[in-house]
């Protein structure tokens, strides 16, 4: 059983933060993963263009894009009446970097095989 000053307890708290990360929750939806893949392939795109590559209606696609944007994974811009989305590469990388650093710390502290 872990003691009160056991360094593993602090790492477990960090693990909780990683596993409850809004980014992981957002990426748990397959449609959102597909949208990210399409944006990586197409670059900056509007809702109609992205919806043309998916079986979902454009209103559903728009809602998923908003969730990705609110999580910081997409940038949004508006030109006249069109809304465009693109990947926020820096935020995407930083989110996963923080998760990876925590996992590396967990492996180190628990003395797991890396």
PDB file of N, CA and C in Angstrom:
ATOM      1  N   UNK A   1       0.843  -1.185   0.000  1.00  0.00           N
ATOM      2  CA  UNK A   1       0.000   0.000   0.000  1.00  0.00           C
ATOM      3  C   UNK A   1       0.885   1.245   0.000  1.00  0.00           C
ATOM      4  N   UNK A   2       0.503   2.247  -0.720  1.00  0.00           N
ATOM      5  CA  UNK A   2       1.286   3.476  -0.842  1.00  0.00           C
ATOM      6  C   UNK A   2       1.196   4.299   0.434  1.00  0.00           C
ATOM      7  N   UNK A   3       2.332   4.890   0.812  1.00  0.00           N
ATOM      8  CA  UNK A   3       2.378   5.771   1.976  1.00  0.00           C
ATOM      9  C   UNK A   3       2.034   7.186   1.570  1.00  0.00           C
ATOM     10  N   UNK A   4       1.731   7.989   2.571  1.00  0.00           N
ATOM     11  CA  UNK A   4       1.300   9.367   2.331  1.00  0.00           C
ATOM     12  C   UNK A   4       2.318  10.164   1.520  1.00  0.00           C
ATOM     13  N   UNK A   5       3.605   9.969   1.761  1.00  0.00           N
ATOM     14  CA  UNK A   5       4.642  10.732   1.049  1.00  0.00           C
ATOM     15  C   UNK A   5       5.221   9.969  -0.148  1.00  0.00           C
ATOM     16  N   UNK A   6       4.552   8.940  -0.564  1.00  0.00           N
ATOM     17  CA  UNK A   6       4.994   8.134  -1.703  1.00  0.00           C
ATOM     18  C   UNK A   6       4.900   8.976  -2.985  1.00  0.00           C
ATOM     19  N   UNK A   7       6.003   9.123  -3.740  1.00  0.00           N
ATOM     20  CA  UNK A   7       5.972   9.937  -4.965  1.00  0.00           C
ATOM     21  C   UNK A   7       4.999   9.405  -6.013  1.00  0.00           C
ATOM     22  N   UNK A   8       4.653   8.135  -5.904  1.00  0.00           N
ATOM     23  CA  UNK A   8       3.703   7.568  -6.865  1.00  0.00           C
ATOM     24  C   UNK A   8       2.315   8.187  -6.731  1.00  0.00           C
ATOM     25  N   UNK A   9       1.969   8.637  -5.527  1.00  0.00           N
ATOM     26  CA  UNK A   9       0.654   9.257  -5.328  1.00  0.00           C
ATOM     27  C   UNK A   9       0.527  10.549  -6.127  1.00  0.00           C
ATOM     28  N   UNK A  10       1.593  11.330  -6.147  1.00  0.00           N
ATOM     29  CA  UNK A  10       1.577  12.577  -6.931  1.00  0.00           C
ATOM     30  C   UNK A  10       1.454  12.275  -8.423  1.00  0.00           C
ATOM     31  N   UNK A  11       2.148  11.242  -8.852  1.00  0.00           N
ATOM     32  CA  UNK A  11       2.080  10.851 -10.262  1.00  0.00           C
ATOM     33  C   UNK A  11       0.679  10.347 -10.607  1.00  0.00           C
ATOM     34  N   UNK A  12       0.046   9.644  -9.681  1.00  0.00           N
ATOM     35  CA  UNK A  12      -1.319   9.173  -9.928  1.00  0.00           C
ATOM     36  C   UNK A  12      -2.282  10.345 -10.102  1.00  0.00           C
ATOM     37  N   UNK A  13      -2.059  11.411  -9.354  1.00  0.00           N
ATOM     38  CA  UNK A  13      -2.887  12.611  -9.522  1.00  0.00           C
ATOM     39  C   UNK A  13      -2.709  13.177 -10.931  1.00  0.00           C
ATOM     40  N   UNK A  14      -1.463  13.186 -11.390  1.00  0.00           N
ATOM     41  CA  UNK A  14      -1.196  13.677 -12.745  1.00  0.00           C
ATOM     42  C   UNK A  14      -1.850  12.769 -13.786  1.00  0.00           C
ATOM     43  N   UNK A  15      -1.839  11.462 -13.518  1.00  0.00           N
ATOM     44  CA  UNK A  15      -2.496  10.530 -14.442  1.00  0.00           C
ATOM     45  C   UNK A  15      -3.986  10.834 -14.535  1.00  0.00           C
ATOM     46  N   UNK A  16      -4.596  11.128 -13.389  1.00  0.00           N
ATOM     47  CA  UNK A  16      -6.018  11.491 -13.398  1.00  0.00           C
ATOM     48  C   UNK A  16      -6.262  12.703 -14.283  1.00  0.00           C
ATOM     49  N   UNK A  17      -5.354  13.682 -14.207  1.00  0.00           N
ATOM     50  CA  UNK A  17      -5.484  14.878 -15.049  1.00  0.00           C
ATOM     51  C   UNK A  17      -5.399  14.513 -16.528  1.00  0.00           C
ATOM     52  N   UNK A  18      -4.477  13.622 -16.861  1.00  0.00           N
ATOM     53  CA  UNK A  18      -4.315  13.212 -18.264  1.00  0.00           C
ATOM     54  C   UNK A  18      -5.557  12.482 -18.754  1.00  0.00           C
ATOM     55  N   UNK A  19      -6.023  11.519 -17.966  1.00  0.00           N
ATOM     56  CA  UNK A  19      -7.151  10.708 -18.419  1.00  0.00           C
ATOM     57  C   UNK A  19      -8.470  11.464 -18.406  1.00  0.00           C
ATOM     58  N   UNK A  20      -8.535  12.551 -17.640  1.00  0.00           N
ATOM     59  CA  UNK A  20      -9.752  13.366 -17.660  1.00  0.00           C
ATOM     60  C   UNK A  20      -9.568  14.599 -18.542  1.00  0.00           C
ATOM     61  N   UNK A  21      -8.499  14.626 -19.299  1.00  0.00           N
ATOM     62  CA  UNK A  21      -8.215  15.743 -20.195  1.00  0.00           C
ATOM     63  C   UNK A  21      -9.358  15.956 -21.179  1.00  0.00           C
ATOM     64  N   UNK A  22      -9.781  17.200 -21.358  1.00  0.00           N
ATOM     65  CA  UNK A  22     -10.830  17.477 -22.340  1.00  0.00           C
ATOM     66  C   UNK A  22     -10.435  17.019 -23.746  1.00  0.00           C
ATOM     67  N   UNK A  23      -9.154  17.074 -24.047  1.00  0.00           N
ATOM     68  CA  UNK A  23      -8.694  16.676 -25.379  1.00  0.00           C
ATOM     69  C   UNK A  23      -8.984  15.196 -25.626  1.00  0.00           C
ATOM     70  N   UNK A  24      -8.713  14.344 -24.642  1.00  0.00           N
ATOM     71  CA  UNK A  24      -8.998  12.915 -24.829  1.00  0.00           C
ATOM     72  C   UNK A  24     -10.490  12.678 -25.005  1.00  0.00           C
ATOM     73  N   UNK A  25     -11.302  13.382 -24.238  1.00  0.00           N
ATOM     74  CA  UNK A  25     -12.746  13.248 -24.381  1.00  0.00           C
ATOM     75  C   UNK A  25     -13.222  13.665 -25.759  1.00  0.00           C
ATOM     76  N   UNK A  26     -12.667  14.750 -26.241  1.00  0.00           N
ATOM     77  CA  UNK A  26     -13.032  15.259 -27.564  1.00  0.00           C
ATOM     78  C   UNK A  26     -12.638  14.260 -28.647  1.00  0.00           C
ATOM     79  N   UNK A  27     -11.476  13.659 -28.498  1.00  0.00           N
ATOM     80  CA  UNK A  27     -10.973  12.741 -29.518  1.00  0.00           C
ATOM     81  C   UNK A  27     -11.568  11.337 -29.416  1.00  0.00           C
ATOM     82  N   UNK A  28     -12.413  11.114 -28.422  1.00  0.00           N
ATOM     83  CA  UNK A  28     -13.051   9.805 -28.281  1.00  0.00           C
ATOM     84  C   UNK A  28     -14.148   9.586 -29.324  1.00  0.00           C
ATOM     85  N   UNK A  29     -14.531  10.629 -30.015  1.00  0.00           N
ATOM     86  CA  UNK A  29     -15.591  10.550 -31.026  1.00  0.00           C
ATOM     87  C   UNK A  29     -14.968  10.322 -32.403  1.00  0.00           C
ATOM     88  N   UNK A  30     -15.260   9.197 -33.063  1.00  0.00           N
ATOM     89  CA  UNK A  30     -14.651   8.882 -34.362  1.00  0.00           C
ATOM     90  C   UNK A  30     -14.854   9.958 -35.439  1.00  0.00           C
ATOM     91  N   UNK A  31     -15.989  10.624 -35.441  1.00  0.00           N
ATOM     92  CA  UNK A  31     -16.230  11.673 -36.446  1.00  0.00           C
ATOM     93  C   UNK A  31     -15.210  12.799 -36.288  1.00  0.00           C
ATOM     94  N   UNK A  32     -14.860  13.110 -35.066  1.00  0.00           N
ATOM     95  CA  UNK A  32     -13.892  14.194 -34.829  1.00  0.00           C
ATOM     96  C   UNK A  32     -12.498  13.794 -35.293  1.00  0.00           C
ATOM     97  N   UNK A  33     -12.154  12.539 -35.104  1.00  0.00           N
ATOM     98  CA  UNK A  33     -10.872  12.042 -35.616  1.00  0.00           C
ATOM     99  C   UNK A  33     -10.863  12.170 -37.138  1.00  0.00           C
ATOM    100  N   UNK A  34     -11.961  11.802 -37.767  1.00  0.00           N
ATOM    101  CA  UNK A  34     -12.053  11.896 -39.225  1.00  0.00           C
ATOM    102  C   UNK A  34     -11.957  13.351 -39.682  1.00  0.00           C
ATOM    103  N   UNK A  35     -12.564  14.262 -38.945  1.00  0.00           N
ATOM    104  CA  UNK A  35     -12.466  15.685 -39.292  1.00  0.00           C
ATOM    105  C   UNK A  35     -11.022  16.173 -39.200  1.00  0.00           C
ATOM    106  N   UNK A  36     -10.314  15.743 -38.180  1.00  0.00           N
ATOM    107  CA  UNK A  36      -8.905  16.127 -38.038  1.00  0.00           C
ATOM    108  C   UNK A  36      -8.097  15.577 -39.208  1.00  0.00           C
ATOM    109  N   UNK A  37      -8.368  14.339 -39.593  1.00  0.00           N
ATOM    110  CA  UNK A  37      -7.664  13.754 -40.737  1.00  0.00           C
ATOM    111  C   UNK A  37      -7.968  14.522 -42.021  1.00  0.00           C
ATOM    112  N   UNK A  38      -9.228  14.883 -42.214  1.00  0.00           N
ATOM    113  CA  UNK A  38      -9.598  15.639 -43.411  1.00  0.00           C
ATOM    114  C   UNK A  38      -8.934  17.015 -43.424  1.00  0.00           C
ATOM    115  N   UNK A  39      -8.885  17.669 -42.267  1.00  0.00           N
ATOM    116  CA  UNK A  39      -8.226  18.978 -42.200  1.00  0.00           C
ATOM    117  C   UNK A  39      -6.728  18.853 -42.449  1.00  0.00           C
ATOM    118  N   UNK A  40      -6.127  17.764 -41.989  1.00  0.00           N
ATOM    119  CA  UNK A  40      -4.704  17.539 -42.262  1.00  0.00           C
ATOM    120  C   UNK A  40      -4.482  17.346 -43.760  1.00  0.00           C
ATOM    121  N   UNK A  41      -5.417  16.693 -44.411  1.00  0.00           N
ATOM    122  CA  UNK A  41      -5.316  16.421 -45.843  1.00  0.00           C
ATOM    123  C   UNK A  41      -5.657  17.650 -46.690  1.00  0.00           C
ATOM    124  N   UNK A  42      -6.749  18.317 -46.346  1.00  0.00           N
ATOM    125  CA  UNK A  42      -7.255  19.420 -47.162  1.00  0.00           C
ATOM    126  C   UNK A  42      -6.714  20.793 -46.768  1.00  0.00           C
ATOM    127  N   UNK A  43      -6.276  20.928 -45.526  1.00  0.00           N
ATOM    128  CA  UNK A  43      -5.903  22.250 -45.034  1.00  0.00           C
ATOM    129  C   UNK A  43      -7.153  23.035 -44.663  1.00  0.00           C
ATOM    130  N   UNK A  44      -7.007  24.327 -44.551  1.00  0.00           N
ATOM    131  CA  UNK A  44      -8.103  25.226 -44.158  1.00  0.00           C
ATOM    132  C   UNK A  44      -9.337  24.954 -45.022  1.00  0.00           C
ATOM    133  N   UNK A  45     -10.457  24.642 -44.366  1.00  0.00           N
ATOM    134  CA  UNK A  45     -11.668  24.259 -45.099  1.00  0.00           C
ATOM    135  C   UNK A  45     -12.910  24.781 -44.400  1.00  0.00           C
ATOM    136  N   UNK A  46     -13.962  24.959 -45.192  1.00  0.00           N
ATOM    137  CA  UNK A  46     -15.240  25.359 -44.611  1.00  0.00           C
ATOM    138  C   UNK A  46     -16.068  24.118 -44.274  1.00  0.00           C
ATOM    139  N   UNK A  47     -17.157  24.340 -43.559  1.00  0.00           N
ATOM    140  CA  UNK A  47     -18.005  23.245 -43.099  1.00  0.00           C
ATOM    141  C   UNK A  47     -18.542  22.432 -44.273  1.00  0.00           C
ATOM    142  N   UNK A  48     -18.995  23.103 -45.308  1.00  0.00           N
ATOM    143  CA  UNK A  48     -19.584  22.407 -46.459  1.00  0.00           C
ATOM    144  C   UNK A  48     -18.568  21.474 -47.118  1.00  0.00           C
ATOM    145  N   UNK A  49     -17.350  21.946 -47.285  1.00  0.00           N
ATOM    146  CA  UNK A  49     -16.304  21.116 -47.887  1.00  0.00           C
ATOM    147  C   UNK A  49     -16.036  19.886 -47.032  1.00  0.00           C
ATOM    148  N   UNK A  50     -15.895  20.091 -45.726  1.00  0.00           N
ATOM    149  CA  UNK A  50     -15.620  18.970 -44.824  1.00  0.00           C
ATOM    150  C   UNK A  50     -16.792  17.994 -44.790  1.00  0.00           C
ATOM    151  N   UNK A  51     -18.010  18.525 -44.754  1.00  0.00           N
ATOM    152  CA  UNK A  51     -19.199  17.665 -44.726  1.00  0.00           C
ATOM    153  C   UNK A  51     -19.298  16.824 -45.996  1.00  0.00           C
ATOM    154  N   UNK A  52     -18.766  17.328 -47.094  1.00  0.00           N
ATOM    155  CA  UNK A  52     -18.771  16.576 -48.343  1.00  0.00           C
ATOM    156  C   UNK A  52     -17.917  15.323 -48.304  1.00  0.00           C
ATOM    157  N   UNK A  53     -17.035  15.227 -47.313  1.00  0.00           N
ATOM    158  CA  UNK A  53     -16.157  14.064 -47.176  1.00  0.00           C
ATOM    159  C   UNK A  53     -16.635  13.096 -46.097  1.00  0.00           C
ATOM    160  N   UNK A  54     -17.774  13.411 -45.481  1.00  0.00           N
ATOM    161  CA  UNK A  54     -18.287  12.587 -44.387  1.00  0.00           C
ATOM    162  C   UNK A  54     -19.751  12.238 -44.626  1.00  0.00           C
ATOM    163  N   UNK A  55     -20.220  11.155 -44.026  1.00  0.00           N
ATOM    164  CA  UNK A  55     -21.630  10.791 -44.209  1.00  0.00           C
ATOM    165  C   UNK A  55     -22.595  11.648 -43.380  1.00  0.00           C
ATOM    166  N   UNK A  56     -22.077  12.394 -42.405  1.00  0.00           N
ATOM    167  CA  UNK A  56     -22.926  13.204 -41.543  1.00  0.00           C
ATOM    168  C   UNK A  56     -23.397  14.471 -42.256  1.00  0.00           C
ATOM    169  N   UNK A  57     -24.546  14.969 -41.823  1.00  0.00           N
ATOM    170  CA  UNK A  57     -25.096  16.221 -42.339  1.00  0.00           C
ATOM    171  C   UNK A  57     -24.200  17.378 -41.894  1.00  0.00           C
ATOM    172  N   UNK A  58     -24.201  18.449 -42.659  1.00  0.00           N
ATOM    173  CA  UNK A  58     -23.331  19.595 -42.358  1.00  0.00           C
ATOM    174  C   UNK A  58     -23.605  20.200 -40.983  1.00  0.00           C
ATOM    175  N   UNK A  59     -24.845  20.126 -40.489  1.00  0.00           N
ATOM    176  CA  UNK A  59     -25.118  20.668 -39.147  1.00  0.00           C
ATOM    177  C   UNK A  59     -24.421  19.838 -38.072  1.00  0.00           C
ATOM    178  N   UNK A  60     -24.360  18.529 -38.282  1.00  0.00           N
ATOM    179  CA  UNK A  60     -23.659  17.644 -37.343  1.00  0.00           C
ATOM    180  C   UNK A  60     -22.159  17.905 -37.417  1.00  0.00           C
ATOM    181  N   UNK A  61     -21.640  18.039 -38.620  1.00  0.00           N
ATOM    182  CA  UNK A  61     -20.215  18.333 -38.813  1.00  0.00           C
ATOM    183  C   UNK A  61     -19.869  19.662 -38.149  1.00  0.00           C
ATOM    184  N   UNK A  62     -20.710  20.653 -38.328  1.00  0.00           N
ATOM    185  CA  UNK A  62     -20.486  21.966 -37.729  1.00  0.00           C
ATOM    186  C   UNK A  62     -20.402  21.877 -36.206  1.00  0.00           C
ATOM    187  N   UNK A  63     -21.271  21.089 -35.620  1.00  0.00           N
ATOM    188  CA  UNK A  63     -21.266  20.921 -34.162  1.00  0.00           C
ATOM    189  C   UNK A  63     -19.965  20.266 -33.694  1.00  0.00           C
ATOM    190  N   UNK A  64     -19.510  19.242 -34.424  1.00  0.00           N
ATOM    191  CA  UNK A  64     -18.255  18.570 -34.060  1.00  0.00           C
ATOM    192  C   UNK A  64     -17.062  19.515 -34.229  1.00  0.00           C
ATOM    193  N   UNK A  65     -17.083  20.333 -35.250  1.00  0.00           N
ATOM    194  CA  UNK A  65     -16.008  21.310 -35.447  1.00  0.00           C
ATOM    195  C   UNK A  65     -15.973  22.312 -34.297  1.00  0.00           C
ATOM    196  N   UNK A  66     -17.131  22.715 -33.827  1.00  0.00           N
ATOM    197  CA  UNK A  66     -17.192  23.648 -32.696  1.00  0.00           C
ATOM    198  C   UNK A  66     -16.566  23.023 -31.451  1.00  0.00           C
ATOM    199  N   UNK A  67     -16.861  21.755 -31.208  1.00  0.00           N
ATOM    200  CA  UNK A  67     -16.286  21.058 -30.051  1.00  0.00           C
ATOM    201  C   UNK A  67     -14.762  21.009 -30.165  1.00  0.00           C
ATOM    202  N   UNK A  68     -14.262  20.680 -31.343  1.00  0.00           N
ATOM    203  CA  UNK A  68     -12.810  20.643 -31.565  1.00  0.00           C
ATOM    204  C   UNK A  68     -12.196  22.031 -31.392  1.00  0.00           C
ATOM    205  N   UNK A  69     -12.879  23.043 -31.868  1.00  0.00           N
ATOM    206  CA  UNK A  69     -12.404  24.422 -31.716  1.00  0.00           C
ATOM    207  C   UNK A  69     -12.397  24.824 -30.244  1.00  0.00           C
ATOM    208  N   UNK A  70     -13.476  24.526 -29.528  1.00  0.00           N
ATOM    209  CA  UNK A  70     -13.562  24.876 -28.104  1.00  0.00           C
ATOM    210  C   UNK A  70     -12.485  24.182 -27.280  1.00  0.00           C
ATOM    211  N   UNK A  71     -12.043  23.005 -27.724  1.00  0.00           N
ATOM    212  CA  UNK A  71     -10.967  22.276 -27.038  1.00  0.00           C
ATOM    213  C   UNK A  71      -9.594  22.829 -27.400  1.00  0.00           C
ATOM    214  N   UNK A  72      -9.556  23.777 -28.346  1.00  0.00           N
ATOM    215  CA  UNK A  72      -8.297  24.398 -28.731  1.00  0.00           C
ATOM    216  C   UNK A  72      -7.550  23.686 -29.842  1.00  0.00           C
ATOM    217  N   UNK A  73      -8.150  22.642 -30.406  1.00  0.00           N
ATOM    218  CA  UNK A  73      -7.452  21.868 -31.431  1.00  0.00           C
ATOM    219  C   UNK A  73      -7.590  22.456 -32.830  1.00  0.00           C
ATOM    220  N   UNK A  74      -8.572  23.328 -33.021  1.00  0.00           N
ATOM    221  CA  UNK A  74      -8.780  23.960 -34.326  1.00  0.00           C
ATOM    222  C   UNK A  74      -8.777  25.475 -34.196  1.00  0.00           C
ATOM    223  N   UNK A  75      -8.349  26.113 -35.262  1.00  0.00           N
ATOM    224  CA  UNK A  75      -8.471  27.564 -35.394  1.00  0.00           C
ATOM    225  C   UNK A  75      -9.680  27.835 -36.270  1.00  0.00           C
ATOM    226  N   UNK A  76     -10.352  28.929 -36.008  1.00  0.00           N
ATOM    227  CA  UNK A  76     -11.573  29.270 -36.740  1.00  0.00           C
ATOM    228  C   UNK A  76     -11.433  30.686 -37.277  1.00  0.00           C
ATOM    229  N   UNK A  77     -11.829  30.872 -38.523  1.00  0.00           N
ATOM    230  CA  UNK A  77     -11.829  32.220 -39.099  1.00  0.00           C
ATOM    231  C   UNK A  77     -13.087  32.378 -39.936  1.00  0.00           C
ATOM    232  N   UNK A  78     -13.484  33.613 -40.103  1.00  0.00           N
ATOM    233  CA  UNK A  78     -14.715  33.886 -40.843  1.00  0.00           C
ATOM    234  C   UNK A  78     -14.405  34.864 -41.959  1.00  0.00           C
ATOM    235  N   UNK A  79     -14.935  34.572 -43.129  1.00  0.00           N
ATOM    236  CA  UNK A  79     -14.803  35.465 -44.273  1.00  0.00           C
ATOM    237  C   UNK A  79     -16.194  35.604 -44.865  1.00  0.00           C
ATOM    238  N   UNK A  80     -16.726  36.804 -44.739  1.00  0.00           N
ATOM    239  CA  UNK A  80     -18.109  37.070 -45.132  1.00  0.00           C
ATOM    240  C   UNK A  80     -19.015  36.120 -44.353  1.00  0.00           C
ATOM    241  N   UNK A  81     -19.765  35.279 -45.046  1.00  0.00           N
ATOM    242  CA  UNK A  81     -20.662  34.383 -44.315  1.00  0.00           C
ATOM    243  C   UNK A  81     -20.108  32.972 -44.166  1.00  0.00           C
ATOM    244  N   UNK A  82     -18.888  32.749 -44.598  1.00  0.00           N
ATOM    245  CA  UNK A  82     -18.276  31.426 -44.531  1.00  0.00           C
ATOM    246  C   UNK A  82     -17.367  31.314 -43.315  1.00  0.00           C
ATOM    247  N   UNK A  83     -17.433  30.166 -42.653  1.00  0.00           N
ATOM    248  CA  UNK A  83     -16.571  29.883 -41.504  1.00  0.00           C
ATOM    249  C   UNK A  83     -15.577  28.807 -41.924  1.00  0.00           C
ATOM    250  N   UNK A  84     -14.310  29.075 -41.673  1.00  0.00           N
ATOM    251  CA  UNK A  84     -13.235  28.152 -42.049  1.00  0.00           C
ATOM    252  C   UNK A  84     -12.552  27.613 -40.797  1.00  0.00           C
ATOM    253  N   UNK A  85     -12.122  26.372 -40.890  1.00  0.00           N
ATOM    254  CA  UNK A  85     -11.406  25.722 -39.794  1.00  0.00           C
ATOM    255  C   UNK A  85     -10.081  25.189 -40.312  1.00  0.00           C
ATOM    256  N   UNK A  86      -9.102  25.179 -39.412  1.00  0.00           N
ATOM    257  CA  UNK A  86      -7.809  24.564 -39.706  1.00  0.00           C
ATOM    258  C   UNK A  86      -7.227  24.035 -38.406  1.00  0.00           C
ATOM    259  N   UNK A  87      -6.313  23.093 -38.529  1.00  0.00           N
ATOM    260  CA  UNK A  87      -5.682  22.527 -37.340  1.00  0.00           C
ATOM    261  C   UNK A  87      -4.860  23.580 -36.618  1.00  0.00           C
ATOM    262  N   UNK A  88      -4.926  23.557 -35.301  1.00  0.00           N
ATOM    263  CA  UNK A  88      -4.079  24.398 -34.466  1.00  0.00           C
ATOM    264  C   UNK A  88      -2.894  23.524 -34.055  1.00  0.00           C
ATOM    265  N   UNK A  89      -1.915  23.449 -34.933  1.00  0.00           N
ATOM    266  CA  UNK A  89      -0.788  22.539 -34.747  1.00  0.00           C
ATOM    267  C   UNK A  89      -0.072  22.697 -33.423  1.00  0.00           C
ATOM    268  N   UNK A  90       0.194  23.930 -33.016  1.00  0.00           N
ATOM    269  CA  UNK A  90       0.926  24.169 -31.771  1.00  0.00           C
ATOM    270  C   UNK A  90       0.147  23.638 -30.567  1.00  0.00           C
ATOM    271  N   UNK A  91      -1.148  23.908 -30.517  1.00  0.00           N
ATOM    272  CA  UNK A  91      -1.968  23.440 -29.396  1.00  0.00           C
ATOM    273  C   UNK A  91      -2.100  21.922 -29.413  1.00  0.00           C
ATOM    274  N   UNK A  92      -2.219  21.368 -30.588  1.00  0.00           N
ATOM    275  CA  UNK A  92      -2.331  19.919 -30.745  1.00  0.00           C
ATOM    276  C   UNK A  92      -1.079  19.246 -30.189  1.00  0.00           C
ATOM    277  N   UNK A  93       0.074  19.723 -30.626  1.00  0.00           N
ATOM    278  CA  UNK A  93       1.352  19.156 -30.175  1.00  0.00           C
ATOM    279  C   UNK A  93       1.522  19.325 -28.675  1.00  0.00           C
ATOM    280  N   UNK A  94       1.219  20.504 -28.157  1.00  0.00           N
ATOM    281  CA  UNK A  94       1.394  20.773 -26.730  1.00  0.00           C
ATOM    282  C   UNK A  94       0.494  19.876 -25.882  1.00  0.00           C
ATOM    283  N   UNK A  95      -0.735  19.652 -26.313  1.00  0.00           N
ATOM    284  CA  UNK A  95      -1.647  18.772 -25.565  1.00  0.00           C
ATOM    285  C   UNK A  95      -1.064  17.372 -25.441  1.00  0.00           C
ATOM    286  N   UNK A  96      -0.581  16.844 -26.542  1.00  0.00           N
ATOM    287  CA  UNK A  96      -0.031  15.496 -26.514  1.00  0.00           C
ATOM    288  C   UNK A  96       1.337  15.451 -25.837  1.00  0.00           C
ATOM    289  N   UNK A  97       2.095  16.519 -25.922  1.00  0.00           N
ATOM    290  CA  UNK A  97       3.393  16.568 -25.236  1.00  0.00           C
ATOM    291  C   UNK A  97       3.179  16.461 -23.722  1.00  0.00           C
ATOM    292  N   UNK A  98       2.210  17.214 -23.194  1.00  0.00           N
ATOM    293  CA  UNK A  98       1.933  17.152 -21.750  1.00  0.00           C
ATOM    294  C   UNK A  98       1.492  15.748 -21.345  1.00  0.00           C
ATOM    295  N   UNK A  99       0.653  15.137 -22.163  1.00  0.00           N
ATOM    296  CA  UNK A  99       0.205  13.774 -21.848  1.00  0.00           C
ATOM    297  C   UNK A  99       1.379  12.802 -21.864  1.00  0.00           C
ATOM    298  N   UNK A 100       2.227  12.905 -22.883  1.00  0.00           N
ATOM    299  CA  UNK A 100       3.376  12.013 -22.996  1.00  0.00           C
ATOM    300  C   UNK A 100       4.338  12.203 -21.824  1.00  0.00           C
ATOM    301  N   UNK A 101       4.595  13.435 -21.427  1.00  0.00           N
ATOM    302  CA  UNK A 101       5.484  13.690 -20.292  1.00  0.00           C
ATOM    303  C   UNK A 101       4.950  13.037 -19.024  1.00  0.00           C
ATOM    304  N   UNK A 102       3.650  13.112 -18.814  1.00  0.00           N
ATOM    305  CA  UNK A 102       3.055  12.494 -17.634  1.00  0.00           C
ATOM    306  C   UNK A 102       3.176  10.981 -17.696  1.00  0.00           C
ATOM    307  N   UNK A 103       2.914  10.397 -18.842  1.00  0.00           N
ATOM    308  CA  UNK A 103       3.032   8.944 -18.990  1.00  0.00           C
ATOM    309  C   UNK A 103       4.482   8.512 -18.754  1.00  0.00           C
ATOM    310  N   UNK A 104       5.441   9.269 -19.272  1.00  0.00           N
ATOM    311  CA  UNK A 104       6.860   8.946 -19.045  1.00  0.00           C
ATOM    312  C   UNK A 104       7.191   8.999 -17.558  1.00  0.00           C
ATOM    313  N   UNK A 105       6.640   9.978 -16.861  1.00  0.00           N
ATOM    314  CA  UNK A 105       6.873  10.096 -15.425  1.00  0.00           C
ATOM    315  C   UNK A 105       6.263   8.906 -14.682  1.00  0.00           C
ATOM    316  N   UNK A 106       5.091   8.489 -15.093  1.00  0.00           N
ATOM    317  CA  UNK A 106       4.437   7.330 -14.476  1.00  0.00           C
ATOM    318  C   UNK A 106       5.301   6.088 -14.657  1.00  0.00           C
ATOM    319  N   UNK A 107       5.787   5.871 -15.860  1.00  0.00           N
ATOM    320  CA  UNK A 107       6.622   4.700 -16.139  1.00  0.00           C
ATOM    321  C   UNK A 107       7.892   4.743 -15.292  1.00  0.00           C
ATOM    322  N   UNK A 108       8.474   5.918 -15.157  1.00  0.00           N
ATOM    323  CA  UNK A 108       9.701   6.052 -14.365  1.00  0.00           C
ATOM    324  C   UNK A 108       9.443   5.765 -12.889  1.00  0.00           C
ATOM    325  N   UNK A 109       8.395   6.332 -12.337  1.00  0.00           N
ATOM    326  CA  UNK A 109       8.109   6.187 -10.910  1.00  0.00           C
ATOM    327  C   UNK A 109       7.639   4.779 -10.566  1.00  0.00           C
ATOM    328  N   UNK A 110       6.855   4.175 -11.434  1.00  0.00           N
ATOM    329  CA  UNK A 110       6.342   2.829 -11.125  1.00  0.00           C
ATOM    330  C   UNK A 110       7.360   1.748 -11.458  1.00  0.00           C
ATOM    331  N   UNK A 111       8.481   2.164 -12.041  1.00  0.00           N
ATOM    332  CA  UNK A 111       9.552   1.246 -12.418  1.00  0.00           C
ATOM    333  C   UNK A 111       9.058   0.183 -13.401  1.00  0.00           C
ATOM    334  N   UNK A 112       8.175   0.609 -14.284  1.00  0.00           N
ATOM    335  CA  UNK A 112       7.673  -0.268 -15.345  1.00  0.00           C
ATOM    336  C   UNK A 112       8.752  -0.397 -16.411  1.00  0.00           C
ATOM    337  N   UNK A 113       8.655  -1.447 -17.194  1.00  0.00           N
ATOM    338  CA  UNK A 113       9.568  -1.563 -18.323  1.00  0.00           C
ATOM    339  C   UNK A 113       9.138  -0.582 -19.396  1.00  0.00           C
ATOM    340  N   UNK A 114      10.097   0.159 -19.902  1.00  0.00           N
ATOM    341  CA  UNK A 114       9.773   1.160 -20.928  1.00  0.00           C
ATOM    342  C   UNK A 114       9.895   0.571 -22.310  1.00  0.00           C
TER     343      UNK A 114
END
